[in-house]
Protein backbone atom coordinates (compact mmCIF):
# COMPACT_ATOMS: atom_id res chain seq x y z
CA MET A 1 0.02 -0.09 0.05
CA ALA A 2 1.29 3.37 -1.15
CA ARG A 3 -0.76 5.92 1.21
CA THR A 4 -0.34 9.39 0.96
CA THR A 5 -2.24 12.51 2.00
CA ALA A 6 -3.02 15.47 -0.35
CA LYS A 7 -4.36 18.87 1.13
CA LEU A 8 -6.53 20.72 -1.52
CA TYR A 9 -7.88 24.26 -1.67
CA SER A 10 -10.96 24.80 -3.39
CA PRO A 11 -12.48 28.64 -2.96
CA ALA A 12 -15.93 27.38 -3.92
CA ILE A 13 -16.44 25.62 -0.74
CA SER A 14 -18.96 27.65 1.51
CA CYS A 15 -21.37 25.73 3.18
CA ASP A 16 -22.34 22.55 5.07
CA HIS A 17 -24.18 21.34 1.61
CA CYS A 18 -20.58 21.56 -0.19
CA VAL A 19 -18.85 19.45 2.59
CA LYS A 20 -21.14 16.70 2.39
CA THR A 21 -21.19 16.70 -1.46
CA ILE A 22 -17.46 16.62 -1.61
CA GLU A 23 -17.09 13.89 1.11
CA GLY A 24 -19.84 11.82 -0.58
CA GLU A 25 -18.10 11.91 -3.95
CA LEU A 26 -14.63 11.25 -2.83
CA ARG A 27 -15.56 8.50 0.03
CA GLY A 28 -16.95 6.52 -2.91
CA ALA A 29 -13.81 6.45 -4.97
CA PRO A 30 -11.53 3.28 -4.97
CA GLY A 31 -8.49 3.74 -3.06
CA VAL A 32 -9.68 6.66 -0.83
CA GLU A 33 -9.22 6.02 3.07
CA SER A 34 -10.52 9.44 4.46
CA VAL A 35 -11.53 12.72 3.46
CA SER A 36 -12.15 15.70 5.66
CA VAL A 37 -13.40 19.15 4.33
CA ASP A 38 -13.06 22.34 6.26
CA LYS A 39 -15.18 24.79 4.91
CA ASP A 40 -13.87 27.82 7.05
CA SER A 41 -10.32 27.18 5.32
CA LYS A 42 -11.53 25.87 2.25
CA MET A 43 -9.79 22.77 2.39
CA VAL A 44 -10.02 19.09 1.51
CA THR A 45 -7.69 16.54 3.05
CA VAL A 46 -7.56 13.19 1.41
CA THR A 47 -5.76 10.13 2.40
CA TYR A 48 -5.46 7.52 -0.45
CA ASP A 49 -3.64 4.61 -1.83
CA THR A 50 -1.67 5.73 -4.76
CA ASN A 51 -1.83 2.07 -6.11
CA TYR A 52 -5.81 2.82 -6.77
CA ILE A 53 -6.06 6.80 -7.43
CA SER A 54 -4.00 9.59 -8.11
CA GLU A 55 -4.28 13.02 -6.71
CA THR A 56 -5.02 14.29 -10.51
CA ASP A 57 -7.97 11.76 -10.47
CA ILE A 58 -9.04 13.16 -7.21
CA ARG A 59 -8.79 16.85 -8.61
CA HIS A 60 -10.93 15.55 -11.58
CA ARG A 61 -13.69 14.22 -9.50
CA MET A 62 -14.03 17.57 -7.45
CA ARG A 63 -14.17 19.39 -10.68
CA ASP A 64 -16.75 17.21 -12.01
CA ILE A 65 -18.94 17.88 -9.12
CA GLY A 66 -18.19 21.56 -9.25
CA TYR A 67 -15.44 22.41 -7.26
CA GLU A 68 -12.28 23.30 -8.90
CA VAL A 69 -8.93 22.76 -6.85
CA MET A 70 -6.40 25.51 -7.12
CA GLY A 71 -2.94 25.25 -6.56
């Protein structure tokens, strides 16, 4: 297992609905072990197994549901 953690900034995160939407989408992805969204800092912390999913894949999933990742 090649576990890593990504911290992603998405300026569109503004409410509890955003948090639930992002957590729901990412938790269902193969290889994602945990997801935490902080709406105040607009940061998403994802721990995942790089053998199953990449940070690029995670960024694409967020973009597909309307949350662009900056940086």
